[in-house]
Every structure is written in structure tokens, then in C-alpha cells.
C-alpha atoms as a PDB file:
ATOM      1  CA  MET A   1     -55.497  80.080  65.052  1.00  0.00           C
ATOM      2  CA  SER A   2     -58.466  81.587  65.853  1.00  0.00           C
ATOM      3  CA  PRO A   3     -61.081  80.533  62.609  1.00  0.00           C
ATOM      4  CA  PRO A   4     -61.904  83.381  60.076  1.00  0.00           C
ATOM      5  CA  THR A   5     -65.179  85.185  60.412  1.00  0.00           C
ATOM      6  CA  VAL A   6     -67.319  84.089  57.379  1.00  0.00           C
ATOM      7  CA  ALA A   7     -70.455  86.204  56.605  1.00  0.00           C
ATOM      8  CA  PRO A   8     -73.515  84.780  57.128  1.00  0.00           C
ATOM      9  CA  GLY A   9     -76.059  82.529  54.820  1.00  0.00           C
ATOM     10  CA  GLY A  10     -74.800  80.624  51.698  1.00  0.00           C
ATOM     11  CA  ALA A  11     -77.779  80.976  49.122  1.00  0.00           C
ATOM     12  CA  GLY A  12     -77.016  80.161  46.166  1.00  0.00           C
ATOM     13  CA  ARG A  13     -73.517  77.481  46.861  1.00  0.00           C
ATOM     14  CA  ARG A  14     -73.909  74.934  43.473  1.00  0.00           C
ATOM     15  CA  ARG A  15     -72.656  70.974  43.811  1.00  0.00           C
ATOM     16  CA  ALA A  16     -69.613  70.198  42.402  1.00  0.00           C
ATOM     17  CA  ASP A  17     -69.917  69.003  39.131  1.00  0.00           C
ATOM     18  CA  PRO A  18     -70.003  65.284  39.393  1.00  0.00           C
ATOM     19  CA  ARG A  19     -67.332  64.812  36.298  1.00  0.00           C
ATOM     20  CA  ILE A  20     -64.766  67.201  37.940  1.00  0.00           C
ATOM     21  CA  PRO A  21     -63.111  64.654  40.581  1.00  0.00           C
ATOM     22  CA  PRO A  22     -62.092  66.286  44.116  1.00  0.00           C
ATOM     23  CA  SER A  23     -59.021  67.569  44.700  1.00  0.00           C
ATOM     24  CA  SER A  24     -56.688  67.416  47.450  1.00  0.00           C
ATOM     25  CA  PRO A  25     -56.544  70.093  50.134  1.00  0.00           C
ATOM     26  CA  PRO A  26     -53.626  72.665  50.547  1.00  0.00           C
ATOM     27  CA  GLY A  27     -50.888  71.227  52.464  1.00  0.00           C
ATOM     28  CA  GLU A  28     -49.165  73.025  55.136  1.00  0.00           C
ATOM     29  CA  ASP A  29     -45.922  73.735  54.059  1.00  0.00           C
ATOM     30  CA  ASP A  30     -48.252  75.062  50.395  1.00  0.00           C
ATOM     31  CA  VAL A  31     -49.607  77.652  53.073  1.00  0.00           C
ATOM     32  CA  LEU A  32     -45.883  77.986  54.813  1.00  0.00           C
ATOM     33  CA  ARG A  33     -44.766  78.645  51.902  1.00  0.00           C
ATOM     34  CA  LEU A  34     -47.216  81.392  50.558  1.00  0.00           C
ATOM     35  CA  VAL A  35     -47.208  83.204  53.762  1.00  0.00           C
ATOM     36  CA  GLY A  36     -43.689  83.662  53.532  1.00  0.00           C
ATOM     37  CA  GLN A  37     -44.166  84.788  49.945  1.00  0.00           C
ATOM     38  CA  VAL A  38     -46.552  87.256  51.056  1.00  0.00           C
ATOM     39  CA  TYR A  39     -43.818  88.772  54.190  1.00  0.00           C
ATOM     40  CA  ASP A  40     -41.554  89.105  50.721  1.00  0.00           C
ATOM     41  CA  ALA A  41     -43.931  90.808  49.216  1.00  0.00           C
ATOM     42  CA  SER A  42     -44.124  93.483  51.721  1.00  0.00           C
ATOM     43  CA  ILE A  43     -41.259  95.360  51.790  1.00  0.00           C
ATOM     44  CA  GLY A  44     -40.840  94.806  47.685  1.00  0.00           C
ATOM     45  CA  GLY A  45     -44.117  95.721  45.502  1.00  0.00           C
ATOM     46  CA  GLU A  46     -43.321  93.606  42.809  1.00  0.00           C
ATOM     47  CA  ALA A  47     -43.893  90.512  44.720  1.00  0.00           C
ATOM     48  CA  TRP A  48     -47.478  90.971  45.120  1.00  0.00           C
ATOM     49  CA  GLU A  49     -48.053  89.280  41.987  1.00  0.00           C
ATOM     50  CA  THR A  50     -46.032  85.673  42.818  1.00  0.00           C
ATOM     51  CA  VAL A  51     -48.365  85.823  46.172  1.00  0.00           C
ATOM     52  CA  VAL A  52     -51.615  86.551  44.398  1.00  0.00           C
ATOM     53  CA  THR A  53     -50.425  84.012  42.041  1.00  0.00           C
ATOM     54  CA  GLY A  54     -49.674  81.674  44.815  1.00  0.00           C
ATOM     55  CA  LEU A  55     -53.395  82.096  46.005  1.00  0.00           C
ATOM     56  CA  ARG A  56     -55.087  81.605  42.633  1.00  0.00           C
ATOM     57  CA  ASP A  57     -52.902  78.465  42.129  1.00  0.00           C
ATOM     58  CA  LEU A  58     -53.253  77.058  45.894  1.00  0.00           C
ATOM     59  CA  LEU A  59     -56.982  77.202  45.732  1.00  0.00           C
ATOM     60  CA  ARG A  60     -57.646  76.330  42.264  1.00  0.00           C
ATOM     61  CA  SER A  61     -59.368  79.457  41.010  1.00  0.00           C
ATOM     62  CA  GLU A  62     -59.081  81.075  37.322  1.00  0.00           C
ATOM     63  CA  SER A  63     -58.195  84.190  38.121  1.00  0.00           C
ATOM     64  CA  ALA A  64     -57.468  86.488  40.730  1.00  0.00           C
ATOM     65  CA  ALA A  65     -57.375  90.406  41.826  1.00  0.00           C
ATOM     66  CA  LEU A  66     -55.830  91.920  44.786  1.00  0.00           C
ATOM     67  CA  PHE A  67     -56.632  96.039  45.566  1.00  0.00           C
ATOM     68  CA  PRO A  68     -54.437  97.306  48.176  1.00  0.00           C
ATOM     69  CA  ILE A  69     -56.383 100.494  49.069  1.00  0.00           C
ATOM     70  CA  GLY A  70     -59.943  99.362  48.493  1.00  0.00           C
ATOM     71  CA  TYR A  71     -62.439  98.057  46.083  1.00  0.00           C
ATOM     72  CA  GLY A  72     -62.555  99.739  42.930  1.00  0.00           C
ATOM     73  CA  VAL A  73     -60.124 102.545  43.756  1.00  0.00           C
ATOM     74  CA  PRO A  74     -57.816 102.362  40.366  1.00  0.00           C
ATOM     75  CA  ALA A  75     -55.453 105.139  42.104  1.00  0.00           C
ATOM     76  CA  GLU A  76     -53.099 102.784  42.885  1.00  0.00           C
ATOM     77  CA  SER A  77     -53.240  99.808  40.034  1.00  0.00           C
ATOM     78  CA  PRO A  78     -54.732  96.458  41.681  1.00  0.00           C
ATOM     79  CA  VAL A  79     -52.408  93.065  40.798  1.00  0.00           C
ATOM     80  CA  HIS A  80     -54.741  91.218  38.261  1.00  0.00           C
ATOM     81  CA  VAL A  81     -53.248  87.571  37.412  1.00  0.00           C
ATOM     82  CA  GLY A  82     -55.084  85.352  34.414  1.00  0.00           C
ATOM     83  CA  CYS A  83     -57.634  88.429  34.243  1.00  0.00           C
ATOM     84  CA  ASP A  84     -58.686  89.447  30.905  1.00  0.00           C
ATOM     85  CA  PRO A  85     -56.871  92.963  30.684  1.00  0.00           C
ATOM     86  CA  ALA A  86     -59.765  94.476  28.350  1.00  0.00           C
ATOM     87  CA  PHE A  87     -62.088  94.233  31.437  1.00  0.00           C
ATOM     88  CA  ILE A  88     -59.505  95.732  33.473  1.00  0.00           C
ATOM     89  CA  PRO A  89     -60.563  99.648  32.323  1.00  0.00           C
ATOM     90  CA  PRO A  90     -64.421  99.246  32.001  1.00  0.00           C
ATOM     91  CA  PHE A  91     -64.230  97.742  35.809  1.00  0.00           C
ATOM     92  CA  ASN A  92     -62.826 100.724  36.524  1.00  0.00           C
ATOM     93  CA  ASP A  93     -64.795 103.043  35.127  1.00  0.00           C
ATOM     94  CA  HIS A  94     -68.245 101.908  35.765  1.00  0.00           C
ATOM     95  CA  TYR A  95     -68.567  98.199  36.571  1.00  0.00           C
ATOM     96  CA  HIS A  96     -67.036  98.629  39.882  1.00  0.00           C
ATOM     97  CA  LEU A  97     -70.043 100.934  40.966  1.00  0.00           C
ATOM     98  CA  ILE A  98     -72.411  98.872  40.531  1.00  0.00           C
ATOM     99  CA  SER A  99     -71.643  95.619  41.626  1.00  0.00           C
ATOM    100  CA  PRO A 100     -74.625  93.972  43.929  1.00  0.00           C
ATOM    101  CA  LEU A 101     -71.721  93.768  46.521  1.00  0.00           C
ATOM    102  CA  ALA A 102     -70.397  97.521  46.427  1.00  0.00           C
ATOM    103  CA  PRO A 103     -72.783  98.720  49.008  1.00  0.00           C
ATOM    104  CA  LEU A 104     -72.566  95.951  51.565  1.00  0.00           C
ATOM    105  CA  ILE A 105     -68.656  95.470  51.497  1.00  0.00           C
ATOM    106  CA  PRO A 106     -68.016  98.396  53.482  1.00  0.00           C
ATOM    107  CA  ARG A 107     -70.087  96.868  56.631  1.00  0.00           C
ATOM    108  CA  LEU A 108     -68.516  93.740  56.767  1.00  0.00           C
ATOM    109  CA  PRO A 109     -65.708  93.476  59.482  1.00  0.00           C
ATOM    110  CA  ALA A 110     -62.120  92.582  58.729  1.00  0.00           C
ATOM    111  CA  GLY A 111     -61.073  89.228  58.137  1.00  0.00           C
ATOM    112  CA  THR A 112     -64.412  88.502  56.597  1.00  0.00           C
ATOM    113  CA  ILE A 113     -64.141  85.856  54.090  1.00  0.00           C
ATOM    114  CA  PHE A 114     -67.316  85.386  51.728  1.00  0.00           C
ATOM    115  CA  THR A 115     -68.678  84.234  48.679  1.00  0.00           C
ATOM    116  CA  ASN A 116     -70.862  86.820  46.042  1.00  0.00           C
ATOM    117  CA  HIS A 117     -73.726  84.525  46.413  1.00  0.00           C
ATOM    118  CA  MET A 118     -73.477  84.409  50.862  1.00  0.00           C
ATOM    119  CA  LEU A 119     -74.068  88.145  50.417  1.00  0.00           C
ATOM    120  CA  VAL A 120     -76.762  88.580  47.572  1.00  0.00           C
ATOM    121  CA  PRO A 121     -78.822  84.942  46.277  1.00  0.00           C
ATOM    122  CA  GLU A 122     -77.837  83.858  42.983  1.00  0.00           C
ATOM    123  CA  ALA A 123     -81.363  84.788  41.146  1.00  0.00           C
ATOM    124  CA  VAL A 124     -80.638  88.413  42.204  1.00  0.00           C
ATOM    125  CA  TYR A 125     -77.131  88.522  41.226  1.00  0.00           C
ATOM    126  CA  THR A 126     -77.392  86.409  37.624  1.00  0.00           C
ATOM    127  CA  ARG A 127     -79.896  89.461  36.749  1.00  0.00           C
ATOM    128  CA  SER A 128     -77.992  92.192  37.367  1.00  0.00           C
ATOM    129  CA  GLU A 129     -76.030  94.422  34.779  1.00  0.00           C
ATOM    130  CA  PHE A 130     -72.696  93.810  36.653  1.00  0.00           C
ATOM    131  CA  TYR A 131     -72.625  89.881  36.061  1.00  0.00           C
ATOM    132  CA  ASN A 132     -74.707  89.824  32.620  1.00  0.00           C
ATOM    133  CA  ASP A 133     -72.445  92.505  31.252  1.00  0.00           C
ATOM    134  CA  HIS A 134     -68.927  92.305  33.106  1.00  0.00           C
ATOM    135  CA  VAL A 135     -68.765  88.798  34.661  1.00  0.00           C
ATOM    136  CA  ARG A 136     -70.476  86.363  32.077  1.00  0.00           C
ATOM    137  CA  PRO A 137     -68.338  87.392  29.335  1.00  0.00           C
ATOM    138  CA  GLN A 138     -65.413  86.634  30.919  1.00  0.00           C
ATOM    139  CA  GLY A 139     -66.498  83.241  32.330  1.00  0.00           C
ATOM    140  CA  LYS A 140     -66.248  83.915  35.340  1.00  0.00           C
ATOM    141  CA  TYR A 141     -69.421  82.604  37.706  1.00  0.00           C
ATOM    142  CA  SER A 142     -68.319  82.542  41.801  1.00  0.00           C
ATOM    143  CA  CYS A 143     -66.004  84.672  43.664  1.00  0.00           C
ATOM    144  CA  LEU A 144     -64.414  83.768  47.026  1.00  0.00           C
ATOM    145  CA  ASN A 145     -63.223  87.264  48.898  1.00  0.00           C
ATOM    146  CA  TRP A 146     -61.307  88.556  52.002  1.00  0.00           C
ATOM    147  CA  LEU A 147     -61.451  91.751  53.103  1.00  0.00           C
ATOM    148  CA  ASP A 148     -58.866  93.376  55.278  1.00  0.00           C
ATOM    149  CA  ALA A 149     -59.552  96.529  57.744  1.00  0.00           C
ATOM    150  CA  GLY A 150     -60.255  99.949  57.336  1.00  0.00           C
ATOM    151  CA  GLU A 151     -63.126 102.729  56.646  1.00  0.00           C
ATOM    152  CA  GLY A 152     -65.547 102.289  54.358  1.00  0.00           C
ATOM    153  CA  SER A 153     -64.488 101.352  50.591  1.00  0.00           C
ATOM    154  CA  LYS A 154     -60.586 102.135  51.479  1.00  0.00           C
ATOM    155  CA  ARG A 155     -60.171  98.521  52.272  1.00  0.00           C
ATOM    156  CA  SER A 156     -57.571  95.959  50.998  1.00  0.00           C
ATOM    157  CA  TYR A 157     -59.434  93.503  49.125  1.00  0.00           C
ATOM    158  CA  LEU A 158     -58.793  89.922  47.559  1.00  0.00           C
ATOM    159  CA  CYS A 159     -61.161  87.776  45.091  1.00  0.00           C
ATOM    160  CA  LEU A 160     -60.575  84.925  43.376  1.00  0.00           C
ATOM    161  CA  TRP A 161     -63.011  83.402  40.829  1.00  0.00           C
ATOM    162  CA  ARG A 162     -63.896  79.916  39.611  1.00  0.00           C
ATOM    163  CA  GLN A 163     -65.924  79.594  36.741  1.00  0.00           C
ATOM    164  CA  ARG A 164     -69.420  77.867  36.372  1.00  0.00           C
ATOM    165  CA  TRP A 165     -68.300  74.693  35.541  1.00  0.00           C
ATOM    166  CA  GLN A 166     -66.090  74.328  38.584  1.00  0.00           C
ATOM    167  CA  PRO A 167     -66.791  72.821  41.999  1.00  0.00           C
ATOM    168  CA  ALA A 168     -68.342  75.581  44.491  1.00  0.00           C
ATOM    169  CA  TRP A 169     -66.156  76.890  47.454  1.00  0.00           C
ATOM    170  CA  GLU A 170     -65.215  74.443  49.606  1.00  0.00           C
ATOM    171  CA  PRO A 171     -65.078  74.645  53.593  1.00  0.00           C
ATOM    172  CA  VAL A 172     -60.859  74.425  53.217  1.00  0.00           C
ATOM    173  CA  ALA A 173     -60.403  77.032  51.079  1.00  0.00           C
ATOM    174  CA  HIS A 174     -62.538  79.511  53.438  1.00  0.00           C
ATOM    175  CA  ARG A 175     -60.205  78.232  55.887  1.00  0.00           C
ATOM    176  CA  VAL A 176     -56.844  78.934  54.020  1.00  0.00           C
ATOM    177  CA  LEU A 177     -57.993  82.010  52.900  1.00  0.00           C
ATOM    178  CA  GLY A 178     -58.708  83.232  56.421  1.00  0.00           C
ATOM    179  CA  ALA A 179     -55.491  81.800  57.636  1.00  0.00           C
ATOM    180  CA  VAL A 180     -53.474  83.302  54.939  1.00  0.00           C
ATOM    181  CA  GLY A 181     -55.635  86.353  55.042  1.00  0.00           C
ATOM    182  CA  LEU A 182     -54.374  87.703  58.777  1.00  0.00           C
ATOM    183  CA  HIS A 183     -50.893  87.841  57.565  1.00  0.00           C
ATOM    184  CA  LEU A 184     -51.858  89.145  54.809  1.00  0.00           C
ATOM    185  CA  ALA A 185     -53.070  91.900  56.918  1.00  0.00           C
ATOM    186  CA  ARG A 186     -50.284  92.915  58.435  1.00  0.00           C
ATOM    187  CA  ALA A 187     -48.022  92.448  54.991  1.00  0.00           C
ATOM    188  CA  LEU A 188     -50.316  94.930  53.353  1.00  0.00           C
ATOM    189  CA  GLU A 189     -49.894  97.226  56.462  1.00  0.00           C
ATOM    190  CA  ILE A 190     -46.033  97.282  56.237  1.00  0.00           C
ATOM    191  CA  HIS A 191     -46.230  97.799  52.877  1.00  0.00           C
ATOM    192  CA  ARG A 192     -48.400 100.984  53.661  1.00  0.00           C
ATOM    193  CA  ARG A 193     -45.907 101.906  56.262  1.00  0.00           C
ATOM    194  CA  LEU A 194     -42.791 101.499  54.635  1.00  0.00           C
ATOM    195  CA  ALA A 195     -44.097 103.422  51.581  1.00  0.00           C
ATOM    196  CA  ALA A 196     -45.199 106.337  53.418  1.00  0.00           C
ATOM    197  CA  SER A 197     -41.643 106.524  55.162  1.00  0.00           C
ATOM    198  CA  ARG A 198     -40.005 106.713  52.116  1.00  0.00           C
ATOM    199  CA  ALA A 199     -42.943 109.283  50.844  1.00  0.00           C
ATOM    200  CA  PHE A 200     -42.280 111.195  53.692  1.00  0.00           C
ATOM    201  CA  ARG A 201     -38.682 110.853  53.459  1.00  0.00           C
ATOM    202  CA  SER A 202     -38.267 111.990  50.135  1.00  0.00           C
ATOM    203  CA  ALA A 203     -40.676 115.334  50.547  1.00  0.00           C
ATOM    204  CA  PRO A 204     -38.858 118.845  49.686  1.00  0.00           C
ATOM    205  CA  ALA A 205     -40.415 119.888  52.577  1.00  0.00           C
ATOM    206  CA  ALA A 206     -39.858 117.544  55.186  1.00  0.00           C
ATOM    207  CA  THR A 207     -37.160 119.264  57.439  1.00  0.00           C
ATOM    208  CA  ASP A 208     -39.716 122.036  57.910  1.00  0.00           C
ATOM    209  CA  LEU A 209     -43.183 119.183  58.782  1.00  0.00           C
ATOM    210  CA  LEU A 210     -42.335 119.653  62.748  1.00  0.00           C
ATOM    211  CA  ALA A 211     -41.799 122.854  65.033  1.00  0.00           C
ATOM    212  CA  PRO A 212     -38.316 123.222  67.035  1.00  0.00           C
ATOM    213  CA  GLN A 213     -40.994 122.463  69.723  1.00  0.00           C
ATOM    214  CA  GLU A 214     -42.180 119.309  69.059  1.00  0.00           C
ATOM    215  CA  ARG A 215     -38.758 117.982  67.299  1.00  0.00           C
ATOM    216  CA  ALA A 216     -37.650 118.871  71.126  1.00  0.00           C
ATOM    217  CA  CYS A 217     -40.217 116.978  72.743  1.00  0.00           C
ATOM    218  CA  LEU A 218     -40.016 114.085  70.454  1.00  0.00           C
ATOM    219  CA  ALA A 219     -36.199 113.899  70.639  1.00  0.00           C
ATOM    220  CA  GLY A 220     -36.871 113.903  75.133  1.00  0.00           C
ATOM    221  CA  VAL A 221     -38.693 110.527  73.605  1.00  0.00           C
ATOM    222  CA  ALA A 222     -36.377 108.901  71.655  1.00  0.00           C
ATOM    223  CA  ARG A 223     -33.989 109.148  74.959  1.00  0.00           C
ATOM    224  CA  GLY A 224     -36.540 107.360  76.818  1.00  0.00           C
ATOM    225  CA  ALA A 225     -37.764 110.387  78.998  1.00  0.00           C
ATOM    226  CA  SER A 226     -41.412 110.450  80.244  1.00  0.00           C
ATOM    227  CA  SER A 227     -43.380 113.427  79.738  1.00  0.00           C
ATOM    228  CA  LYS A 228     -42.694 114.818  82.849  1.00  0.00           C
ATOM    229  CA  GLN A 229     -39.223 114.083  82.543  1.00  0.00           C
ATOM    230  CA  ILE A 230     -39.618 116.494  79.173  1.00  0.00           C
ATOM    231  CA  ALA A 231     -41.459 118.930  80.659  1.00  0.00           C
ATOM    232  CA  ARG A 232     -38.894 119.585  83.333  1.00  0.00           C
ATOM    233  CA  GLN A 233     -35.838 119.767  80.852  1.00  0.00           C
ATOM    234  CA  LEU A 234     -37.523 122.128  78.476  1.00  0.00           C
ATOM    235  CA  GLY A 235     -38.985 124.510  81.545  1.00  0.00           C
ATOM    236  CA  LEU A 236     -42.289 123.700  80.282  1.00  0.00           C
ATOM    237  CA  SER A 237     -45.528 121.866  81.841  1.00  0.00           C
ATOM    238  CA  MET A 238     -46.406 118.669  80.873  1.00  0.00           C
ATOM    239  CA  HIS A 239     -49.863 119.415  79.544  1.00  0.00           C
ATOM    240  CA  THR A 240     -47.558 121.834  76.995  1.00  0.00           C
ATOM    241  CA  VAL A 241     -45.396 118.724  76.204  1.00  0.00           C
ATOM    242  CA  ASN A 242     -48.644 116.328  75.312  1.00  0.00           C
ATOM    243  CA  ALA A 243     -49.787 118.654  73.330  1.00  0.00           C
ATOM    244  CA  TYR A 244     -46.269 119.020  71.164  1.00  0.00           C
ATOM    245  CA  LEU A 245     -46.373 115.495  70.858  1.00  0.00           C
ATOM    246  CA  ALA A 246     -50.336 114.771  70.041  1.00  0.00           C
ATOM    247  CA  SER A 247     -49.130 117.753  67.317  1.00  0.00           C
ATOM    248  CA  ALA A 248     -46.065 116.199  66.123  1.00  0.00           C
ATOM    249  CA  ARG A 249     -48.088 112.646  65.549  1.00  0.00           C
ATOM    250  CA  ARG A 250     -50.927 114.392  63.436  1.00  0.00           C
ATOM    251  CA  LYS A 251     -48.117 115.965  61.548  1.00  0.00           C
ATOM    252  CA  LEU A 252     -46.581 112.525  60.839  1.00  0.00           C
ATOM    253  CA  LYS A 253     -49.514 111.086  61.170  1.00  0.00           C
ATOM    254  CA  ALA A 254     -47.972 108.362  63.159  1.00  0.00           C
ATOM    255  CA  ALA A 255     -50.353 105.900  65.507  1.00  0.00           C
ATOM    256  CA  SER A 256     -48.191 106.495  68.355  1.00  0.00           C
ATOM    257  CA  ARG A 257     -45.125 108.616  70.113  1.00  0.00           C
ATOM    258  CA  SER A 258     -42.779 105.484  69.090  1.00  0.00           C
ATOM    259  CA  GLU A 259     -43.913 105.500  65.544  1.00  0.00           C
ATOM    260  CA  ALA A 260     -43.397 109.300  65.490  1.00  0.00           C
ATOM    261  CA  VAL A 261     -40.352 109.088  66.366  1.00  0.00           C
ATOM    262  CA  ALA A 262     -38.785 106.211  64.946  1.00  0.00           C
ATOM    263  CA  MET A 263     -40.159 108.163  61.303  1.00  0.00           C
ATOM    264  CA  ALA A 264     -38.475 111.592  62.593  1.00  0.00           C
ATOM    265  CA  LEU A 265     -35.304 109.442  62.924  1.00  0.00           C
ATOM    266  CA  SER A 266     -35.583 108.186  59.862  1.00  0.00           C
ATOM    267  CA  GLY A 267     -36.642 111.315  58.113  1.00  0.00           C
ATOM    268  CA  GLY A 268     -33.331 113.053  59.553  1.00  0.00           C
ATOM    269  CA  LEU A 269     -35.586 115.539  61.751  1.00  0.00           C
ATOM    270  CA  LEU A 270     -34.124 114.430  65.392  1.00  0.00           C
ATOM    271  CA  ASP A 271     -30.117 114.329  66.359  1.00  0.00           C
ATOM    272  CA  GLY A 272     -30.474 110.772  67.603  1.00  0.00           C
END
């Protein structure tokens, strides 16, 4: 398994408090158990809290939050564990907009593992309104983050917080989050696709979504026919068949022909 991407730098990392005994790193069994919970959550949204709690405990953080559709996007409620509920609405309304990390996060590659002090110098971060009015009153200090693929700010995002008296984030914490993050990205994609499929099947106008020619071309793909064979069967040019299939994919928001066929079948748009 390739190592996770880590943002360059490292400014602002603090030494571990010598009064706090070092903790043993997470065991392989603990990580594998958490990965299993990640995939369980992909088919049942209520299990995401179990995943976030497991990560918080495994990496010995004070609190954690998973933003399934993007940092600071309150349209879909994030999963918060150990967070003071009183601070969540102000974050959604204001503080996510002024975080020193906000303009930097959209530029980071998928799978990036980083702490707040890797992206923003500690002196700058601790002078910000975000830190003094939102982070510090909660007792938080250092945040370890994971970022999913996507565009702009609409990318799944996970953050784990430690308090100021806790040790700095160990390299093993970066590695564990990177390894779990690979599975978390896949599970979130499965979750999104299942949710989209359920919404599609329940849409009242689903049966009117595809034109007859688009359904006929998809049915040909479902039978294993090529575009050339479908064109011959329907008396169309191969270019026209490909255009109908592309149109069907756009309407279904499918990434491929096979996914379009699967969605059309699950929505009752094809006979089989």
C-alpha cells in the first residue's frame, strides 16, 4: 500500500509534553476492524458516527468531524463526535468562511494528510479570529486532517482535534489515517452512488427521463452488444447510437455505459 500524501512543511509542530507517557501505536487488528466499519457505513448512513468515533479513539484525539460533501457545506449535516453542539451553528454560518485553511484546502491533492500548522504557520494561525473566537474557546489546538478527491470545496473532509496539552501528531497517526483514508474514499463513493440510485428510483418522473431511442440503445448495451451491433439492429448509424448513449449517461449522471445500464435497470427504465 503506497504511503499517503503529506502536505509539505511542518512548521509549528510542538514537542510532546514530557509529563504525558507515550502511547502505543494502533495495532493492525484495530485498523482492520475500523476499515470493516467504514464499509459497513457505506451501506447505512447511521454507521458513520461509529467510524468517526473509532478514528477518534484509535488516534487518541479529543474530538472529530466528518464532512461528507465538503468542508463548511452545511447542506448535509456533518458527523460530529465529541464536539460542543453550541459551536456547530456558528461554524456553519461564519467560521468556516474565515478559517485560515479554507482557501488552501481546495488546492490540495486527494488523499492529502495534513495538520493545520503544516499549512499555516503557528504564529499566523493563533492570531486569527478563527482560532481565538472559535477554536481556542473549545479547548482545541492541533488538527489532523484527511481530504478526499473532488472539485473545489465540495470534497469529503475529515478532521481530528487534539487539545494544547496533548502530544503533537505522531508520524504513525499520519500513516494510519492515510491507510484508512484510502478505504474511506471508496466507502464514501459507494454511499453517494447508493444514495443517488435510491433518489433516482423514487423520482416520480424517472420513467420519463430517457427517450425511447436512449432506452433502446441502453438495452442493447445490457445485452452485451457493441455500438456497431446496436446500430445494425436499430437501423441507425454508429455515431447516432453513441450520441444516444452519451445523452443517456448525462441524464443519469453515470460515469460509464455500464453504470448507466445498472441505473436504468434499477430504476425500471429497461425491461432487462
